[in-house]
Amino acid sequence: MRVKLKAVLHSVKDVEEKDNYKRQKIEFEVKKFDTDTGEAKDAKYFPATIFNKRINELDAAGKVGNVVNAVCYLDSFKTEKDGETWHNLALTCVELDLV
């Protein structure tokens, strides 16, 4: 599923290298506002991952603290262990532009 976010790029982690891929974890901050007063109530944080060649293309480290338009893909993962099943959601960032 394609997801568009307009948010503050809150944090960017170091690039991790595995056997056959590289990844960089990032976090978006989306502020929540009171519908009656318009005052900021709190913020929600959404983690995402950038993979391989997009790490250099998107240059997330240079955009920390700025408002960005991001395009991400939402995916779900199923994990089974000891007869129990867990479902997780993950965002993969493919576009990251300054507003």
C-alpha atoms as a PDB file:
ATOM      1  CA  MET A   1       0.000   0.000   0.000  1.00  0.00           C
ATOM      2  CA  ARG A   2       1.378   3.420  -0.939  1.00  0.00           C
ATOM      3  CA  VAL A   3       1.392   6.005   1.885  1.00  0.00           C
ATOM      4  CA  LYS A   4       2.170   9.725   1.591  1.00  0.00           C
ATOM      5  CA  LEU A   5       3.354  11.611   4.664  1.00  0.00           C
ATOM      6  CA  LYS A   6       3.998  15.287   5.312  1.00  0.00           C
ATOM      7  CA  ALA A   7       6.018  15.300   8.507  1.00  0.00           C
ATOM      8  CA  VAL A   8       9.178  16.400  10.249  1.00  0.00           C
ATOM      9  CA  LEU A   9      12.096  14.039   9.671  1.00  0.00           C
ATOM     10  CA  HIS A  10      12.859  13.480  13.349  1.00  0.00           C
ATOM     11  CA  SER A  11      15.871  11.143  13.325  1.00  0.00           C
ATOM     12  CA  VAL A  12      18.162   9.185  11.029  1.00  0.00           C
ATOM     13  CA  LYS A  13      20.258   6.212  12.171  1.00  0.00           C
ATOM     14  CA  ASP A  14      23.576   5.037  10.743  1.00  0.00           C
ATOM     15  CA  VAL A  15      23.570   2.778   7.695  1.00  0.00           C
ATOM     16  CA  GLU A  16      23.593  -0.925   8.566  1.00  0.00           C
ATOM     17  CA  GLU A  17      25.196  -3.357   6.122  1.00  0.00           C
ATOM     18  CA  LYS A  18      24.069  -6.973   6.003  1.00  0.00           C
ATOM     19  CA  ASP A  19      25.203  -9.766   3.663  1.00  0.00           C
ATOM     20  CA  ASN A  20      23.322  -8.661   0.550  1.00  0.00           C
ATOM     21  CA  TYR A  21      21.743  -5.283   1.383  1.00  0.00           C
ATOM     22  CA  LYS A  22      22.121  -1.967   3.219  1.00  0.00           C
ATOM     23  CA  ARG A  23      19.441  -0.232   5.261  1.00  0.00           C
ATOM     24  CA  GLN A  24      18.992   3.027   7.131  1.00  0.00           C
ATOM     25  CA  LYS A  25      16.289   3.501   9.736  1.00  0.00           C
ATOM     26  CA  ILE A  26      14.538   6.874   9.942  1.00  0.00           C
ATOM     27  CA  GLU A  27      11.708   8.288  12.037  1.00  0.00           C
ATOM     28  CA  PHE A  28       8.966  10.768  11.094  1.00  0.00           C
ATOM     29  CA  GLU A  29       7.252  13.055  13.609  1.00  0.00           C
ATOM     30  CA  VAL A  30       3.615  13.920  12.883  1.00  0.00           C
ATOM     31  CA  LYS A  31       2.086  16.472  15.217  1.00  0.00           C
ATOM     32  CA  LYS A  32      -1.461  15.965  16.426  1.00  0.00           C
ATOM     33  CA  PHE A  33      -3.617  19.059  16.946  1.00  0.00           C
ATOM     34  CA  ASP A  34      -6.741  19.689  19.025  1.00  0.00           C
ATOM     35  CA  THR A  35      -9.713  20.016  16.655  1.00  0.00           C
ATOM     36  CA  ASP A  36     -11.376  22.716  18.773  1.00  0.00           C
ATOM     37  CA  THR A  37      -8.483  25.006  19.695  1.00  0.00           C
ATOM     38  CA  GLY A  38      -5.876  24.130  17.062  1.00  0.00           C
ATOM     39  CA  GLU A  39      -3.232  23.713  19.767  1.00  0.00           C
ATOM     40  CA  ALA A  40      -0.580  21.026  19.411  1.00  0.00           C
ATOM     41  CA  LYS A  41      -1.485  18.126  21.724  1.00  0.00           C
ATOM     42  CA  ASP A  42       1.261  15.621  21.168  1.00  0.00           C
ATOM     43  CA  ALA A  43       3.273  14.007  18.415  1.00  0.00           C
ATOM     44  CA  LYS A  44       3.197  10.566  16.861  1.00  0.00           C
ATOM     45  CA  TYR A  45       6.363   8.901  15.591  1.00  0.00           C
ATOM     46  CA  PHE A  46       6.477   6.620  12.572  1.00  0.00           C
ATOM     47  CA  PRO A  47       9.598   4.538  11.891  1.00  0.00           C
ATOM     48  CA  ALA A  48      10.558   3.746   8.298  1.00  0.00           C
ATOM     49  CA  THR A  49      13.468   2.142   6.469  1.00  0.00           C
ATOM     50  CA  ILE A  50      15.434   3.176   3.392  1.00  0.00           C
ATOM     51  CA  PHE A  51      17.149   0.384   1.464  1.00  0.00           C
ATOM     52  CA  ASN A  52      20.232   0.077  -0.749  1.00  0.00           C
ATOM     53  CA  LYS A  53      20.849   2.713  -3.452  1.00  0.00           C
ATOM     54  CA  ARG A  54      18.035   4.940  -2.173  1.00  0.00           C
ATOM     55  CA  ILE A  55      20.119   5.719   0.933  1.00  0.00           C
ATOM     56  CA  ASN A  56      22.421   7.954  -1.118  1.00  0.00           C
ATOM     57  CA  GLU A  57      19.654   9.180  -3.453  1.00  0.00           C
ATOM     58  CA  LEU A  58      17.382  10.425  -0.650  1.00  0.00           C
ATOM     59  CA  ASP A  59      20.128  11.871   1.606  1.00  0.00           C
ATOM     60  CA  ALA A  60      17.975  11.615   4.726  1.00  0.00           C
ATOM     61  CA  ALA A  61      20.806  12.697   7.040  1.00  0.00           C
ATOM     62  CA  GLY A  62      20.852  16.105   5.353  1.00  0.00           C
ATOM     63  CA  LYS A  63      17.119  16.629   5.934  1.00  0.00           C
ATOM     64  CA  VAL A  64      16.828  15.938   9.682  1.00  0.00           C
ATOM     65  CA  GLY A  65      14.678  18.514  11.481  1.00  0.00           C
ATOM     66  CA  ASN A  66      12.968  19.689   8.288  1.00  0.00           C
ATOM     67  CA  VAL A  67       9.421  19.171   7.048  1.00  0.00           C
ATOM     68  CA  VAL A  68       9.414  16.627   4.230  1.00  0.00           C
ATOM     69  CA  ASN A  69       6.996  15.012   1.832  1.00  0.00           C
ATOM     70  CA  ALA A  70       7.637  11.286   1.905  1.00  0.00           C
ATOM     71  CA  VAL A  71       6.295   8.421  -0.145  1.00  0.00           C
ATOM     72  CA  CYS A  72       6.458   5.072   1.614  1.00  0.00           C
ATOM     73  CA  TYR A  73       5.114   1.600   1.039  1.00  0.00           C
ATOM     74  CA  LEU A  74       3.357  -0.166   3.897  1.00  0.00           C
ATOM     75  CA  ASP A  75       3.959  -3.886   4.123  1.00  0.00           C
ATOM     76  CA  SER A  76       3.065  -6.564   6.649  1.00  0.00           C
ATOM     77  CA  PHE A  77       5.226  -9.409   7.902  1.00  0.00           C
ATOM     78  CA  LYS A  78       4.160 -12.605   9.587  1.00  0.00           C
ATOM     79  CA  THR A  79       6.430 -14.304  12.138  1.00  0.00           C
ATOM     80  CA  GLU A  80       5.754 -17.673  13.704  1.00  0.00           C
ATOM     81  CA  LYS A  81       7.618 -19.028  16.714  1.00  0.00           C
ATOM     82  CA  ASP A  82       6.734 -21.648  19.321  1.00  0.00           C
ATOM     83  CA  GLY A  83       3.245 -22.036  17.873  1.00  0.00           C
ATOM     84  CA  GLU A  84       2.475 -18.310  18.137  1.00  0.00           C
ATOM     85  CA  THR A  85       1.994 -15.901  15.253  1.00  0.00           C
ATOM     86  CA  TRP A  86       2.837 -12.192  15.141  1.00  0.00           C
ATOM     87  CA  HIS A  87       1.934  -9.704  12.436  1.00  0.00           C
ATOM     88  CA  ASN A  88       4.051  -6.579  12.025  1.00  0.00           C
ATOM     89  CA  LEU A  89       3.740  -3.526   9.797  1.00  0.00           C
ATOM     90  CA  ALA A  90       6.693  -1.707   8.235  1.00  0.00           C
ATOM     91  CA  LEU A  91       7.167   1.426   6.110  1.00  0.00           C
ATOM     92  CA  THR A  92       9.772   1.483   3.343  1.00  0.00           C
ATOM     93  CA  CYS A  93      10.622   5.015   2.211  1.00  0.00           C
ATOM     94  CA  VAL A  94      11.159   5.536  -1.534  1.00  0.00           C
ATOM     95  CA  GLU A  95      10.826   9.346  -1.893  1.00  0.00           C
ATOM     96  CA  LEU A  96      11.873  12.104   0.489  1.00  0.00           C
ATOM     97  CA  ASP A  97      11.595  15.753  -0.587  1.00  0.00           C
ATOM     98  CA  LEU A  98      11.925  18.947   1.427  1.00  0.00           C
ATOM     99  CA  VAL A  99       8.761  21.062   1.644  1.00  0.00           C
END
